[in-house]
Amino acid sequence: MAKSLTQEFTKGLWDEVPPFRLVLGLCPVLGVTTTLENGWGMGLATMFVLVCSNFLVSLLRKVIPSKVRIACFIIIIATFVIVVELMMQAYAYELYISLGVFIPLIVVNCIVLGRAEAFASKNGIVPSLLDGLGIGIGFTLSLSALAAIREIIGNGTLTLHKKAEIMFELANYAPSFEPFAFMVQPPGAFICLGLMLCVMNLIGNK
């Protein structure tokens, strides 16, 4: 049992990491990963919604009628997205503004709805929580890694938190470095994601 629960958690960290293995949730992956702060911020917001919706869907799985389950799942997810929006407006307003429309779009994120339908509606509370947490952490790490690469190459910086001024500037250590601005533009996101998918596949095949 313990081994099974461990597997439910760890699968989201590598075997089923959403952007690179399941190739899901690519809209925020491509849209918000211009800075590391945006990457981890979006990842944490999605993880909160994922864990909470998995918990509630699993808790109510025997009560929700099968014919309206998708509509019920969307209502549950939307409720937690509103909670995230209000919390970010109260405590991380600049990040909320920076992420923009991608926060409300968590409602239709195929990762969140997919885990509710494919896993939480068929399993108990503890496995569902671990599934949501593992997938959420994997998603957050994926966004953060992609954002870090794009920001370093595209801007020559690495921004962990703008308000706290936690920022690494490559120009301080490599004055001759010229940022490749293409990487923080939409085409750069596709190219960087494609290269990371290639590396993940090569490692996975080995």
Protein backbone atom coordinates (compact mmCIF):
# COMPACT_ATOMS: atom_id res chain seq x y z
CA MET A 1 0.00 0.00 0.00
CA ALA A 2 2.81 2.40 0.97
CA LYS A 3 4.65 1.60 -2.26
CA SER A 4 1.49 2.26 -4.27
CA LEU A 5 0.97 5.64 -2.58
CA THR A 6 4.59 6.55 -3.23
CA GLN A 7 4.13 5.70 -6.90
CA GLU A 8 1.03 7.88 -7.12
CA PHE A 9 3.09 10.81 -5.88
CA THR A 10 6.33 10.25 -7.80
CA LYS A 11 4.75 9.52 -11.19
CA GLY A 12 4.02 13.22 -11.67
CA LEU A 13 7.67 14.12 -11.10
CA TRP A 14 8.95 12.20 -14.14
CA ASP A 15 6.86 9.43 -15.76
CA GLU A 16 3.75 11.61 -16.14
CA VAL A 17 5.14 15.14 -15.82
CA PRO A 18 2.44 17.10 -17.70
CA PRO A 19 4.22 19.30 -20.29
CA PHE A 20 7.02 16.90 -21.20
CA ARG A 21 5.45 13.44 -20.86
CA LEU A 22 1.69 13.88 -21.15
CA VAL A 23 2.12 17.02 -23.32
CA LEU A 24 -0.80 18.70 -21.55
CA GLY A 25 -1.38 22.23 -20.28
CA LEU A 26 0.83 23.81 -22.93
CA CYS A 27 -1.08 27.11 -23.07
CA PRO A 28 0.29 28.46 -19.75
CA VAL A 29 3.61 26.70 -20.38
CA LEU A 30 4.12 28.78 -23.50
CA GLY A 31 2.34 31.92 -22.38
CA VAL A 32 3.68 32.80 -18.94
CA THR A 33 7.23 31.43 -18.88
CA THR A 34 9.01 34.69 -19.69
CA THR A 35 10.35 34.98 -16.12
CA LEU A 36 11.06 32.48 -13.37
CA GLU A 37 8.66 34.33 -11.06
CA ASN A 38 5.82 33.87 -13.53
CA GLY A 39 6.71 30.20 -13.97
CA TRP A 40 6.66 29.17 -10.33
CA GLY A 41 3.72 31.48 -9.59
CA MET A 42 1.56 29.86 -12.25
CA GLY A 43 2.73 26.42 -11.19
CA LEU A 44 1.83 26.95 -7.54
CA ALA A 45 -1.59 28.37 -8.43
CA THR A 46 -2.34 25.36 -10.64
CA MET A 47 -1.05 22.94 -7.98
CA PHE A 48 -3.37 24.46 -5.34
CA VAL A 49 -6.38 24.06 -7.62
CA LEU A 50 -5.31 20.56 -8.63
CA VAL A 51 -4.85 19.25 -5.09
CA CYS A 52 -8.05 20.84 -3.76
CA SER A 53 -10.22 19.75 -6.70
CA ASN A 54 -8.83 16.20 -6.55
CA PHE A 55 -9.69 16.06 -2.86
CA LEU A 56 -13.26 17.30 -3.30
CA VAL A 57 -13.97 15.21 -6.40
CA SER A 58 -12.72 12.09 -4.63
CA LEU A 59 -14.76 12.94 -1.54
CA LEU A 60 -17.95 13.39 -3.59
CA ARG A 61 -17.32 10.74 -6.26
CA LYS A 62 -20.13 8.47 -5.02
CA VAL A 63 -22.58 11.36 -4.77
CA ILE A 64 -22.06 13.08 -8.13
CA PRO A 65 -24.34 11.61 -10.84
CA SER A 66 -22.31 10.21 -13.74
CA LYS A 67 -24.36 12.06 -16.37
CA VAL A 68 -23.43 15.48 -15.00
CA ARG A 69 -20.01 14.68 -13.58
CA ILE A 70 -18.04 16.89 -16.00
CA ALA A 71 -20.21 19.92 -15.21
CA CYS A 72 -19.80 19.23 -11.49
CA PHE A 73 -16.03 18.87 -11.88
CA ILE A 74 -15.85 22.23 -13.67
CA ILE A 75 -17.87 23.92 -10.91
CA ILE A 76 -15.54 22.47 -8.27
CA ILE A 77 -12.44 23.56 -10.19
CA ALA A 78 -13.87 27.03 -10.84
CA THR A 79 -14.54 27.47 -7.12
CA PHE A 80 -10.90 26.87 -6.23
CA VAL A 81 -9.72 29.06 -9.11
CA ILE A 82 -11.74 31.94 -7.61
CA VAL A 83 -10.08 31.24 -4.25
CA VAL A 84 -6.65 31.45 -5.93
CA GLU A 85 -7.60 34.69 -7.72
CA LEU A 86 -8.74 36.36 -4.50
CA MET A 87 -5.66 35.19 -2.58
CA MET A 88 -3.31 36.46 -5.30
CA GLN A 89 -5.12 39.79 -5.49
CA ALA A 90 -4.70 40.15 -1.73
CA TYR A 91 -1.13 38.92 -1.27
CA ALA A 92 0.60 38.84 -4.68
CA TYR A 93 -1.13 41.49 -6.76
CA GLU A 94 1.82 42.24 -9.07
CA LEU A 95 2.17 38.55 -9.89
CA TYR A 96 -1.58 38.32 -10.46
CA ILE A 97 -1.41 41.20 -12.95
CA SER A 98 1.62 39.67 -14.65
CA LEU A 99 -0.10 36.29 -15.14
CA GLY A 100 -3.26 38.00 -16.36
CA VAL A 101 -5.90 35.84 -18.03
CA PHE A 102 -3.98 32.62 -17.44
CA ILE A 103 -5.18 32.42 -13.83
CA PRO A 104 -8.91 32.20 -14.72
CA LEU A 105 -7.99 29.85 -17.57
CA ILE A 106 -6.96 27.23 -14.99
CA VAL A 107 -10.68 26.35 -15.01
CA VAL A 108 -10.29 24.80 -18.45
CA ASN A 109 -6.75 23.48 -17.96
CA CYS A 110 -6.83 19.93 -19.29
CA ILE A 111 -4.43 18.76 -16.58
CA VAL A 112 -6.79 19.69 -13.75
CA LEU A 113 -9.94 18.42 -15.42
CA GLY A 114 -8.12 15.33 -16.67
CA ARG A 115 -6.93 14.31 -13.20
CA ALA A 116 -10.43 14.85 -11.80
CA GLU A 117 -12.00 12.66 -14.48
CA ALA A 118 -9.30 10.01 -14.91
CA PHE A 119 -8.12 9.59 -11.33
CA ALA A 120 -9.89 11.43 -8.50
CA SER A 121 -13.38 10.27 -9.55
CA LYS A 122 -12.22 6.64 -9.36
CA ASN A 123 -9.91 6.60 -6.33
CA GLY A 124 -9.86 7.38 -2.62
CA ILE A 125 -8.96 10.66 -0.98
CA VAL A 126 -5.33 9.93 -0.03
CA PRO A 127 -4.25 8.58 -3.45
CA SER A 128 -6.07 11.51 -5.12
CA LEU A 129 -4.28 14.04 -2.92
CA LEU A 130 -0.91 12.46 -3.67
CA ASP A 131 -1.72 12.30 -7.37
CA GLY A 132 -2.64 16.00 -7.44
CA LEU A 133 0.40 17.00 -5.39
CA GLY A 134 2.83 15.00 -7.53
CA ILE A 135 1.40 16.25 -10.82
CA GLY A 136 1.29 19.80 -9.43
CA ILE A 137 4.92 19.75 -8.31
CA GLY A 138 5.97 18.29 -11.66
CA PHE A 139 4.06 21.01 -13.49
CA THR A 140 5.57 23.75 -11.31
CA LEU A 141 9.12 22.44 -11.83
CA SER A 142 8.52 22.19 -15.58
CA LEU A 143 7.30 25.78 -15.85
CA SER A 144 10.12 27.02 -13.63
CA ALA A 145 12.80 25.22 -15.66
CA LEU A 146 11.46 26.48 -18.99
CA ALA A 147 11.03 30.01 -17.62
CA ALA A 148 14.55 30.07 -16.16
CA ILE A 149 16.13 29.06 -19.47
CA ARG A 150 14.10 31.58 -21.47
CA GLU A 151 14.73 34.44 -19.04
CA ILE A 152 18.48 33.84 -18.73
CA ILE A 153 19.02 33.60 -22.49
CA GLY A 154 16.42 36.20 -23.45
CA ASN A 155 16.97 38.86 -20.78
CA GLY A 156 20.19 37.94 -19.03
CA THR A 157 18.35 37.89 -15.70
CA LEU A 158 16.77 35.40 -13.35
CA THR A 159 13.86 36.92 -11.41
CA LEU A 160 12.67 35.01 -8.38
CA HIS A 161 10.62 37.87 -6.91
CA LYS A 162 10.33 41.38 -8.34
CA LYS A 163 8.88 43.05 -5.26
CA ALA A 164 11.59 41.64 -3.00
CA GLU A 165 14.19 42.49 -5.68
CA ILE A 166 15.51 38.94 -5.72
CA MET A 167 17.08 39.03 -9.16
CA PHE A 168 20.25 37.67 -10.72
CA GLU A 169 21.70 39.77 -13.53
CA LEU A 170 24.12 37.99 -15.84
CA ALA A 171 25.53 41.31 -17.02
CA ASN A 172 27.21 41.77 -13.63
CA TYR A 173 29.31 38.66 -14.22
CA ALA A 174 29.54 38.54 -18.01
CA PRO A 175 29.56 42.14 -19.35
CA SER A 176 29.98 40.94 -22.93
CA PHE A 177 26.79 38.85 -22.80
CA GLU A 178 24.14 39.95 -25.29
CA PRO A 179 20.58 38.82 -24.45
CA PHE A 180 18.85 36.82 -27.19
CA ALA A 181 15.47 38.59 -27.00
CA PHE A 182 13.91 36.06 -29.37
CA MET A 183 13.73 33.55 -26.48
CA VAL A 184 11.22 35.62 -24.48
CA GLN A 185 8.95 36.03 -27.50
CA PRO A 186 6.24 33.48 -28.48
CA PRO A 187 8.33 31.72 -31.18
CA GLY A 188 11.15 31.31 -28.65
CA ALA A 189 8.76 29.55 -26.29
CA PHE A 190 7.94 26.92 -28.95
CA ILE A 191 11.59 26.36 -29.80
CA CYS A 192 12.69 26.09 -26.17
CA LEU A 193 9.82 23.72 -25.35
CA GLY A 194 10.64 21.58 -28.38
CA LEU A 195 14.29 21.29 -27.36
CA MET A 196 13.32 20.37 -23.80
CA LEU A 197 10.87 17.74 -25.09
CA CYS A 198 13.71 16.33 -27.21
CA VAL A 199 16.04 16.12 -24.20
CA MET A 200 13.33 14.50 -22.06
CA ASN A 201 12.63 11.89 -24.73
CA LEU A 202 16.32 11.11 -25.12
CA ILE A 203 16.73 10.67 -21.36
CA GLY A 204 13.52 8.62 -21.18
CA ASN A 205 14.64 6.28 -23.96
CA LYS A 206 17.94 5.64 -22.19
